[in-house]
Amino acid sequence: RLEQLRALNQPSLEQALPPLLASATNGIDPQGLERQFNRPREG
């Protein structure tokens, strides 16, 4: 979990996503990311 927080400490979604995915056994729900970062998926 601390490793995930270090990944989330990046300034942008694009920078945080690769280290987050590396430890995500079941992948990541993009809708959850859209809400978490307030970044519409089309962007």
All heavy atoms as atom14 arrays in JSON, in Angstrom:
{
  "sequence": "RLEQLRALNQPSLEQALPPLLASATNGIDPQGLERQFNRPREG",
  "atom14_mask": [
    [1, 1, 1, 1, 1, 1, 1, 1, 1, 1, 1, 0, 0, 0],
    [1, 1, 1, 1, 1, 1, 1, 1, 0, 0, 0, 0, 0, 0],
    [1, 1, 1, 1, 1, 1, 1, 1, 1, 0, 0, 0, 0, 0],
    [1, 1, 1, 1, 1, 1, 1, 1, 1, 0, 0, 0, 0, 0],
    [1, 1, 1, 1, 1, 1, 1, 1, 0, 0, 0, 0, 0, 0],
    [1, 1, 1, 1, 1, 1, 1, 1, 1, 1, 1, 0, 0, 0],
    [1, 1, 1, 1, 1, 0, 0, 0, 0, 0, 0, 0, 0, 0],
    [1, 1, 1, 1, 1, 1, 1, 1, 0, 0, 0, 0, 0, 0],
    [1, 1, 1, 1, 1, 1, 1, 1, 0, 0, 0, 0, 0, 0],
    [1, 1, 1, 1, 1, 1, 1, 1, 1, 0, 0, 0, 0, 0],
    [1, 1, 1, 1, 1, 1, 1, 0, 0, 0, 0, 0, 0, 0],
    [1, 1, 1, 1, 1, 1, 0, 0, 0, 0, 0, 0, 0, 0],
    [1, 1, 1, 1, 1, 1, 1, 1, 0, 0, 0, 0, 0, 0],
    [1, 1, 1, 1, 1, 1, 1, 1, 1, 0, 0, 0, 0, 0],
    [1, 1, 1, 1, 1, 1, 1, 1, 1, 0, 0, 0, 0, 0],
    [1, 1, 1, 1, 1, 0, 0, 0, 0, 0, 0, 0, 0, 0],
    [1, 1, 1, 1, 1, 1, 1, 1, 0, 0, 0, 0, 0, 0],
    [1, 1, 1, 1, 1, 1, 1, 0, 0, 0, 0, 0, 0, 0],
    [1, 1, 1, 1, 1, 1, 1, 0, 0, 0, 0, 0, 0, 0],
    [1, 1, 1, 1, 1, 1, 1, 1, 0, 0, 0, 0, 0, 0],
    [1, 1, 1, 1, 1, 1, 1, 1, 0, 0, 0, 0, 0, 0],
    [1, 1, 1, 1, 1, 0, 0, 0, 0, 0, 0, 0, 0, 0],
    [1, 1, 1, 1, 1, 1, 0, 0, 0, 0, 0, 0, 0, 0],
    [1, 1, 1, 1, 1, 0, 0, 0, 0, 0, 0, 0, 0, 0],
    [1, 1, 1, 1, 1, 1, 1, 0, 0, 0, 0, 0, 0, 0],
    [1, 1, 1, 1, 1, 1, 1, 1, 0, 0, 0, 0, 0, 0],
    [1, 1, 1, 1, 0, 0, 0, 0, 0, 0, 0, 0, 0, 0],
    [1, 1, 1, 1, 1, 1, 1, 1, 0, 0, 0, 0, 0, 0],
    [1, 1, 1, 1, 1, 1, 1, 1, 0, 0, 0, 0, 0, 0],
    [1, 1, 1, 1, 1, 1, 1, 0, 0, 0, 0, 0, 0, 0],
    [1, 1, 1, 1, 1, 1, 1, 1, 1, 0, 0, 0, 0, 0],
    [1, 1, 1, 1, 0, 0, 0, 0, 0, 0, 0, 0, 0, 0],
    [1, 1, 1, 1, 1, 1, 1, 1, 0, 0, 0, 0, 0, 0],
    [1, 1, 1, 1, 1, 1, 1, 1, 1, 0, 0, 0, 0, 0],
    [1, 1, 1, 1, 1, 1, 1, 1, 1, 1, 1, 0, 0, 0],
    [1, 1, 1, 1, 1, 1, 1, 1, 1, 0, 0, 0, 0, 0],
    [1, 1, 1, 1, 1, 1, 1, 1, 1, 1, 1, 0, 0, 0],
    [1, 1, 1, 1, 1, 1, 1, 1, 0, 0, 0, 0, 0, 0],
    [1, 1, 1, 1, 1, 1, 1, 1, 1, 1, 1, 0, 0, 0],
    [1, 1, 1, 1, 1, 1, 1, 0, 0, 0, 0, 0, 0, 0],
    [1, 1, 1, 1, 1, 1, 1, 1, 1, 1, 1, 0, 0, 0],
    [1, 1, 1, 1, 1, 1, 1, 1, 1, 0, 0, 0, 0, 0],
    [1, 1, 1, 1, 0, 0, 0, 0, 0, 0, 0, 0, 0, 0]
  ],
  "atom14_positions": [
    [[0.83, -1.2, 0.0], [0.0, 0.0, 0.0], [0.86, 1.26, 0.0], [0.57, 2.23, -0.71], [-0.93, -0.01, 1.22], [-1.79, 1.25, 1.35], [-2.63, 1.51, 0.12], [-3.37, 2.75, 0.2], [-4.02, 3.31, -0.8], [-4.02, 2.73, -2.0], [-4.68, 4.43, -0.64], [0.0, 0.0, 0.0], [0.0, 0.0, 0.0], [0.0, 0.0, 0.0]],
    [[1.94, 1.27, 0.76], [2.84, 2.43, 0.77], [3.46, 2.64, -0.61], [3.68, 3.78, -1.03], [3.91, 2.25, 1.84], [3.4, 2.23, 3.29], [4.54, 1.96, 4.25], [2.69, 3.53, 3.64], [0.0, 0.0, 0.0], [0.0, 0.0, 0.0], [0.0, 0.0, 0.0], [0.0, 0.0, 0.0], [0.0, 0.0, 0.0], [0.0, 0.0, 0.0]],
    [[3.71, 1.54, -1.31], [4.25, 1.66, -2.67], [3.22, 2.31, -3.59], [3.56, 3.13, -4.45], [4.63, 0.27, -3.19], [5.5, 0.28, -4.43], [6.86, 0.95, -4.21], [7.41, 0.83, -3.1], [7.34, 1.61, -5.15], [0.0, 0.0, 0.0], [0.0, 0.0, 0.0], [0.0, 0.0, 0.0], [0.0, 0.0, 0.0], [0.0, 0.0, 0.0]],
    [[1.95, 1.97, -3.41], [0.89, 2.62, -4.19], [0.83, 4.11, -3.89], [0.66, 4.93, -4.81], [-0.45, 1.97, -3.87], [-0.61, 0.56, -4.39], [-1.94, -0.06, -3.98], [-2.63, 0.45, -3.1], [-2.3, -1.16, -4.61], [0.0, 0.0, 0.0], [0.0, 0.0, 0.0], [0.0, 0.0, 0.0], [0.0, 0.0, 0.0], [0.0, 0.0, 0.0]],
    [[0.98, 4.47, -2.62], [0.94, 5.9, -2.28], [2.12, 6.64, -2.86], [1.99, 7.8, -3.27], [0.9, 6.06, -0.76], [-0.39, 5.58, -0.07], [-0.29, 5.76, 1.43], [-1.6, 6.33, -0.62], [0.0, 0.0, 0.0], [0.0, 0.0, 0.0], [0.0, 0.0, 0.0], [0.0, 0.0, 0.0], [0.0, 0.0, 0.0], [0.0, 0.0, 0.0]],
    [[3.28, 5.99, -2.92], [4.43, 6.64, -3.57], [4.15, 6.87, -5.05], [4.55, 7.89, -5.61], [5.69, 5.8, -3.36], [6.32, 5.99, -1.98], [7.66, 5.3, -1.87], [7.5, 3.9, -1.51], [7.37, 3.46, -0.27], [7.38, 4.3, 0.75], [7.24, 2.16, -0.03], [0.0, 0.0, 0.0], [0.0, 0.0, 0.0], [0.0, 0.0, 0.0]],
    [[3.46, 5.91, -5.66], [3.07, 6.1, -7.07], [2.06, 7.23, -7.21], [2.16, 8.05, -8.14], [2.48, 4.8, -7.62], [0.0, 0.0, 0.0], [0.0, 0.0, 0.0], [0.0, 0.0, 0.0], [0.0, 0.0, 0.0], [0.0, 0.0, 0.0], [0.0, 0.0, 0.0], [0.0, 0.0, 0.0], [0.0, 0.0, 0.0], [0.0, 0.0, 0.0]],
    [[1.11, 7.32, -6.29], [0.1, 8.37, -6.34], [0.66, 9.74, -6.02], [0.02, 10.76, -6.26], [-1.04, 8.04, -5.37], [-1.96, 6.89, -5.79], [-2.84, 6.46, -4.63], [-2.81, 7.31, -6.98], [0.0, 0.0, 0.0], [0.0, 0.0, 0.0], [0.0, 0.0, 0.0], [0.0, 0.0, 0.0], [0.0, 0.0, 0.0], [0.0, 0.0, 0.0]],
    [[1.86, 9.77, -5.47], [2.49, 11.05, -5.14], [3.04, 11.76, -6.36], [3.62, 12.84, -6.26], [3.61, 10.84, -4.12], [3.73, 12.03, -3.16], [2.93, 12.95, -3.19], [4.75, 12.0, -2.33], [0.0, 0.0, 0.0], [0.0, 0.0, 0.0], [0.0, 0.0, 0.0], [0.0, 0.0, 0.0], [0.0, 0.0, 0.0], [0.0, 0.0, 0.0]],
    [[2.87, 11.14, -7.54], [3.24, 11.8, -8.79], [2.23, 12.89, -9.11], [1.07, 12.82, -8.71], [3.29, 10.78, -9.93], [4.22, 9.61, -9.69], [5.67, 10.04, -9.66], [6.07, 10.98, -10.34], [6.47, 9.37, -8.84], [0.0, 0.0, 0.0], [0.0, 0.0, 0.0], [0.0, 0.0, 0.0], [0.0, 0.0, 0.0], [0.0, 0.0, 0.0]],
    [[2.64, 13.9, -9.86], [1.73, 15.02, -10.11], [0.59, 14.73, -11.08], [-0.39, 15.46, -11.1], [2.66, 16.11, -10.66], [3.85, 15.38, -11.2], [4.01, 14.17, -10.35], [0.0, 0.0, 0.0], [0.0, 0.0, 0.0], [0.0, 0.0, 0.0], [0.0, 0.0, 0.0], [0.0, 0.0, 0.0], [0.0, 0.0, 0.0], [0.0, 0.0, 0.0]],
    [[0.72, 13.7, -11.93], [-0.31, 13.49, -12.96], [-0.69, 12.02, -13.04], [0.04, 11.13, -12.58], [0.21, 13.95, -14.34], [1.21, 13.06, -14.82], [0.0, 0.0, 0.0], [0.0, 0.0, 0.0], [0.0, 0.0, 0.0], [0.0, 0.0, 0.0], [0.0, 0.0, 0.0], [0.0, 0.0, 0.0], [0.0, 0.0, 0.0], [0.0, 0.0, 0.0]],
    [[-1.84, 11.77, -13.65], [-2.32, 10.41, -13.85], [-1.36, 9.61, -14.72], [-1.07, 8.44, -14.42], [-3.7, 10.47, -14.52], [-4.29, 9.15, -15.02], [-4.48, 8.17, -13.88], [-5.6, 9.39, -15.75], [0.0, 0.0, 0.0], [0.0, 0.0, 0.0], [0.0, 0.0, 0.0], [0.0, 0.0, 0.0], [0.0, 0.0, 0.0], [0.0, 0.0, 0.0]],
    [[-0.86, 10.23, -15.79], [0.03, 9.51, -16.7], [1.31, 9.05, -16.0], [1.84, 7.96, -16.29], [0.39, 10.39, -17.9], [-0.72, 10.55, -18.93], [-1.8, 11.53, -18.5], [-1.6, 12.23, -17.48], [-2.85, 11.59, -19.15], [0.0, 0.0, 0.0], [0.0, 0.0, 0.0], [0.0, 0.0, 0.0], [0.0, 0.0, 0.0], [0.0, 0.0, 0.0]],
    [[1.82, 9.84, -15.06], [3.02, 9.46, -14.33], [2.73, 8.41, -13.25], [3.57, 7.56, -12.96], [3.66, 10.7, -13.69], [4.26, 11.67, -14.71], [4.66, 12.98, -14.06], [3.82, 13.8, -13.72], [5.96, 13.17, -13.87], [0.0, 0.0, 0.0], [0.0, 0.0, 0.0], [0.0, 0.0, 0.0], [0.0, 0.0, 0.0], [0.0, 0.0, 0.0]],
    [[1.55, 8.49, -12.67], [1.2, 7.56, -11.58], [0.79, 6.2, -12.09], [0.97, 5.19, -11.39], [0.08, 8.16, -10.73], [0.0, 0.0, 0.0], [0.0, 0.0, 0.0], [0.0, 0.0, 0.0], [0.0, 0.0, 0.0], [0.0, 0.0, 0.0], [0.0, 0.0, 0.0], [0.0, 0.0, 0.0], [0.0, 0.0, 0.0], [0.0, 0.0, 0.0]],
    [[0.23, 6.13, -13.31], [-0.39, 4.89, -13.78], [0.57, 3.71, -13.91], [0.25, 2.61, -13.43], [-1.12, 5.16, -15.1], [-2.08, 4.07, -15.57], [-3.09, 3.74, -14.48], [-2.79, 4.51, -16.85], [0.0, 0.0, 0.0], [0.0, 0.0, 0.0], [0.0, 0.0, 0.0], [0.0, 0.0, 0.0], [0.0, 0.0, 0.0], [0.0, 0.0, 0.0]],
    [[1.75, 3.85, -14.54], [2.62, 2.66, -14.69], [2.99, 2.0, -13.37], [2.84, 0.78, -13.25], [3.85, 3.23, -15.44], [3.31, 4.4, -16.2], [2.28, 5.0, -15.3], [0.0, 0.0, 0.0], [0.0, 0.0, 0.0], [0.0, 0.0, 0.0], [0.0, 0.0, 0.0], [0.0, 0.0, 0.0], [0.0, 0.0, 0.0], [0.0, 0.0, 0.0]],
    [[3.47, 2.74, -12.35], [3.78, 2.04, -11.09], [2.53, 1.5, -10.39], [2.6, 0.49, -9.69], [4.48, 3.11, -10.24], [4.11, 4.42, -10.84], [3.9, 4.16, -12.29], [0.0, 0.0, 0.0], [0.0, 0.0, 0.0], [0.0, 0.0, 0.0], [0.0, 0.0, 0.0], [0.0, 0.0, 0.0], [0.0, 0.0, 0.0], [0.0, 0.0, 0.0]],
    [[1.38, 2.14, -10.56], [0.16, 1.61, -9.97], [-0.22, 0.28, -10.61], [-0.59, -0.68, -9.92], [-1.0, 2.6, -10.16], [-1.02, 3.83, -9.26], [-2.18, 4.74, -9.65], [-1.14, 3.45, -7.79], [0.0, 0.0, 0.0], [0.0, 0.0, 0.0], [0.0, 0.0, 0.0], [0.0, 0.0, 0.0], [0.0, 0.0, 0.0], [0.0, 0.0, 0.0]],
    [[-0.12, 0.2, -11.93], [-0.48, -1.03, -12.63], [0.48, -2.16, -12.32], [0.09, -3.33, -12.32], [-0.52, -0.78, -14.14], [-1.69, 0.06, -14.65], [-1.54, 0.35, -16.12], [-3.02, -0.65, -14.38], [0.0, 0.0, 0.0], [0.0, 0.0, 0.0], [0.0, 0.0, 0.0], [0.0, 0.0, 0.0], [0.0, 0.0, 0.0], [0.0, 0.0, 0.0]],
    [[1.74, -1.83, -12.06], [2.73, -2.87, -11.79], [2.37, -3.7, -10.57], [2.76, -4.87, -10.48], [4.11, -2.25, -11.63], [0.0, 0.0, 0.0], [0.0, 0.0, 0.0], [0.0, 0.0, 0.0], [0.0, 0.0, 0.0], [0.0, 0.0, 0.0], [0.0, 0.0, 0.0], [0.0, 0.0, 0.0], [0.0, 0.0, 0.0], [0.0, 0.0, 0.0]],
    [[1.63, -3.11, -9.63], [1.28, -3.84, -8.41], [-0.21, -4.14, -8.32], [-0.69, -4.59, -7.28], [1.69, -3.02, -7.18], [1.01, -1.76, -7.17], [0.0, 0.0, 0.0], [0.0, 0.0, 0.0], [0.0, 0.0, 0.0], [0.0, 0.0, 0.0], [0.0, 0.0, 0.0], [0.0, 0.0, 0.0], [0.0, 0.0, 0.0], [0.0, 0.0, 0.0]],
    [[-0.95, -3.9, -9.4], [-2.41, -4.11, -9.38], [-2.73, -5.5, -9.91], [-2.82, -5.72, -11.12], [-3.1, -3.04, -10.22], [0.0, 0.0, 0.0], [0.0, 0.0, 0.0], [0.0, 0.0, 0.0], [0.0, 0.0, 0.0], [0.0, 0.0, 0.0], [0.0, 0.0, 0.0], [0.0, 0.0, 0.0], [0.0, 0.0, 0.0], [0.0, 0.0, 0.0]],
    [[-2.93, -6.44, -9.0], [-3.18, -7.83, -9.39], [-4.43, -7.95, -10.26], [-4.43, -8.7, -11.24], [-3.36, -8.7, -8.14], [-2.17, -8.62, -7.35], [-3.63, -10.15, -8.51], [0.0, 0.0, 0.0], [0.0, 0.0, 0.0], [0.0, 0.0, 0.0], [0.0, 0.0, 0.0], [0.0, 0.0, 0.0], [0.0, 0.0, 0.0], [0.0, 0.0, 0.0]],
    [[-5.48, -7.23, -9.92], [-6.73, -7.3, -10.66], [-6.94, -6.12, -11.59], [-8.07, -5.82, -11.99], [-7.9, -7.41, -9.68], [-8.0, -8.78, -9.05], [-8.45, -9.73, -9.68], [-7.53, -8.9, -7.82], [0.0, 0.0, 0.0], [0.0, 0.0, 0.0], [0.0, 0.0, 0.0], [0.0, 0.0, 0.0], [0.0, 0.0, 0.0], [0.0, 0.0, 0.0]],
    [[-5.84, -5.44, -11.94], [-5.97, -4.3, -12.81], [-6.6, -3.12, -12.08], [-6.81, -3.16, -10.86], [0.0, 0.0, 0.0], [0.0, 0.0, 0.0], [0.0, 0.0, 0.0], [0.0, 0.0, 0.0], [0.0, 0.0, 0.0], [0.0, 0.0, 0.0], [0.0, 0.0, 0.0], [0.0, 0.0, 0.0], [0.0, 0.0, 0.0], [0.0, 0.0, 0.0]],
    [[-6.92, -2.08, -12.83], [-7.5, -0.87, -12.25], [-8.73, -0.49, -13.05], [-8.72, -0.49, -14.28], [-6.48, 0.29, -12.25], [-5.28, -0.07, -11.36], [-7.12, 1.57, -11.77], [-4.2, 0.98, -11.35], [0.0, 0.0, 0.0], [0.0, 0.0, 0.0], [0.0, 0.0, 0.0], [0.0, 0.0, 0.0], [0.0, 0.0, 0.0], [0.0, 0.0, 0.0]],
    [[-9.79, -0.16, -12.33], [-11.03, 0.29, -12.95], [-10.83, 1.71, -13.47], [-10.61, 2.64, -12.67], [-12.15, 0.26, -11.91], [-13.48, 0.77, -12.45], [-13.56, 1.07, -13.65], [-14.43, 0.89, -11.65], [0.0, 0.0, 0.0], [0.0, 0.0, 0.0], [0.0, 0.0, 0.0], [0.0, 0.0, 0.0], [0.0, 0.0, 0.0], [0.0, 0.0, 0.0]],
    [[-10.92, 1.94, -14.77], [-10.69, 3.3, -15.29], [-11.72, 4.31, -14.81], [-11.41, 5.49, -14.68], [-10.74, 3.11, -16.81], [-11.46, 1.83, -17.03], [-11.17, 0.98, -15.85], [0.0, 0.0, 0.0], [0.0, 0.0, 0.0], [0.0, 0.0, 0.0], [0.0, 0.0, 0.0], [0.0, 0.0, 0.0], [0.0, 0.0, 0.0], [0.0, 0.0, 0.0]],
    [[-12.94, 3.85, -14.53], [-13.94, 4.8, -14.02], [-13.54, 5.3, -12.63], [-13.75, 6.47, -12.3], [-15.31, 4.14, -13.97], [-16.41, 5.12, -13.58], [-17.8, 4.5, -13.66], [-17.95, 3.33, -13.96], [-18.82, 5.3, -13.39], [0.0, 0.0, 0.0], [0.0, 0.0, 0.0], [0.0, 0.0, 0.0], [0.0, 0.0, 0.0], [0.0, 0.0, 0.0]],
    [[-12.95, 4.41, -11.82], [-12.46, 4.84, -10.52], [-11.34, 5.85, -10.64], [-11.28, 6.83, -9.88], [0.0, 0.0, 0.0], [0.0, 0.0, 0.0], [0.0, 0.0, 0.0], [0.0, 0.0, 0.0], [0.0, 0.0, 0.0], [0.0, 0.0, 0.0], [0.0, 0.0, 0.0], [0.0, 0.0, 0.0], [0.0, 0.0, 0.0], [0.0, 0.0, 0.0]],
    [[-10.45, 5.65, -11.62], [-9.37, 6.62, -11.85], [-9.93, 7.94, -12.33], [-9.44, 9.01, -11.93], [-8.39, 6.07, -12.89], [-7.4, 4.99, -12.44], [-6.55, 4.55, -13.64], [-6.51, 5.49, -11.32], [0.0, 0.0, 0.0], [0.0, 0.0, 0.0], [0.0, 0.0, 0.0], [0.0, 0.0, 0.0], [0.0, 0.0, 0.0], [0.0, 0.0, 0.0]],
    [[-10.93, 7.89, -13.19], [-11.54, 9.12, -13.7], [-12.09, 9.95, -12.55], [-11.93, 11.17, -12.5], [-12.66, 8.75, -14.68], [-13.34, 9.96, -15.31], [-14.37, 9.57, -16.36], [-14.5, 8.36, -16.64], [-15.04, 10.47, -16.88], [0.0, 0.0, 0.0], [0.0, 0.0, 0.0], [0.0, 0.0, 0.0], [0.0, 0.0, 0.0], [0.0, 0.0, 0.0]],
    [[-12.73, 9.29, -11.59], [-13.28, 9.99, -10.43], [-12.17, 10.43, -9.48], [-12.19, 11.53, -8.94], [-14.26, 9.07, -9.71], [-15.01, 9.74, -8.57], [-15.87, 8.76, -7.81], [-16.94, 8.23, -8.64], [-17.11, 6.94, -8.92], [-16.26, 6.04, -8.44], [-18.11, 6.54, -9.66], [0.0, 0.0, 0.0], [0.0, 0.0, 0.0], [0.0, 0.0, 0.0]],
    [[-11.18, 9.54, -9.28], [-10.1, 9.83, -8.33], [-9.26, 11.03, -8.77], [-8.87, 11.86, -7.94], [-9.2, 8.6, -8.19], [-8.06, 8.76, -7.2], [-7.28, 7.46, -7.07], [-7.65, 6.44, -7.62], [-6.18, 7.5, -6.35], [0.0, 0.0, 0.0], [0.0, 0.0, 0.0], [0.0, 0.0, 0.0], [0.0, 0.0, 0.0], [0.0, 0.0, 0.0]],
    [[-9.0, 11.15, -10.08], [-8.16, 12.24, -10.6], [-8.98, 13.35, -11.24], [-8.4, 14.36, -11.67], [-7.18, 11.69, -11.64], [-6.01, 10.95, -11.05], [-6.14, 9.64, -10.63], [-4.78, 11.57, -10.91], [-5.06, 8.95, -10.08], [-3.69, 10.9, -10.36], [-3.84, 9.59, -9.95], [0.0, 0.0, 0.0], [0.0, 0.0, 0.0], [0.0, 0.0, 0.0]],
    [[-10.3, 13.16, -11.36], [-11.15, 14.09, -12.1], [-10.56, 14.37, -13.49], [-10.35, 15.51, -13.89], [-11.36, 15.42, -11.35], [-12.47, 16.25, -11.99], [-13.24, 15.75, -12.81], [-12.55, 17.51, -11.62], [0.0, 0.0, 0.0], [0.0, 0.0, 0.0], [0.0, 0.0, 0.0], [0.0, 0.0, 0.0], [0.0, 0.0, 0.0], [0.0, 0.0, 0.0]],
    [[-10.32, 13.29, -14.2], [-9.79, 13.35, -15.55], [-10.7, 12.56, -16.48], [-10.67, 11.31, -16.47], [-8.37, 12.77, -15.61], [-7.29, 13.65, -15.0], [-6.88, 14.76, -15.95], [-6.45, 14.23, -17.23], [-5.23, 13.74, -17.48], [-4.31, 13.72, -16.52], [-4.91, 13.28, -18.67], [0.0, 0.0, 0.0], [0.0, 0.0, 0.0], [0.0, 0.0, 0.0]],
    [[-11.56, 13.22, -17.27], [-12.41, 12.5, -18.22], [-11.57, 11.62, -19.14], [-10.49, 12.02, -19.6], [-13.1, 13.62, -19.0], [-13.09, 14.78, -18.05], [-11.81, 14.67, -17.3], [0.0, 0.0, 0.0], [0.0, 0.0, 0.0], [0.0, 0.0, 0.0], [0.0, 0.0, 0.0], [0.0, 0.0, 0.0], [0.0, 0.0, 0.0], [0.0, 0.0, 0.0]],
    [[-12.06, 10.42, -19.42], [-11.25, 9.43, -20.14], [-10.87, 9.87, -21.54], [-9.83, 9.46, -22.07], [-12.01, 8.1, -20.2], [-12.15, 7.43, -18.85], [-12.65, 6.02, -19.0], [-11.71, 5.2, -19.73], [-11.98, 4.0, -20.21], [-13.18, 3.48, -20.03], [-11.08, 3.3, -20.86], [0.0, 0.0, 0.0], [0.0, 0.0, 0.0], [0.0, 0.0, 0.0]],
    [[-11.71, 10.69, -22.16], [-11.36, 11.1, -23.54], [-10.1, 11.95, -23.59], [-9.5, 12.12, -24.65], [-12.53, 11.86, -24.18], [-13.01, 13.08, -23.4], [-14.13, 12.73, -22.43], [-14.29, 11.55, -22.1], [-14.85, 13.67, -22.02], [0.0, 0.0, 0.0], [0.0, 0.0, 0.0], [0.0, 0.0, 0.0], [0.0, 0.0, 0.0], [0.0, 0.0, 0.0]],
    [[-9.66, 12.48, -22.44], [-8.44, 13.28, -22.42], [-7.21, 12.51, -21.97], [-6.12, 13.08, -21.85], [0.0, 0.0, 0.0], [0.0, 0.0, 0.0], [0.0, 0.0, 0.0], [0.0, 0.0, 0.0], [0.0, 0.0, 0.0], [0.0, 0.0, 0.0], [0.0, 0.0, 0.0], [0.0, 0.0, 0.0], [0.0, 0.0, 0.0], [0.0, 0.0, 0.0]]
  ]
}
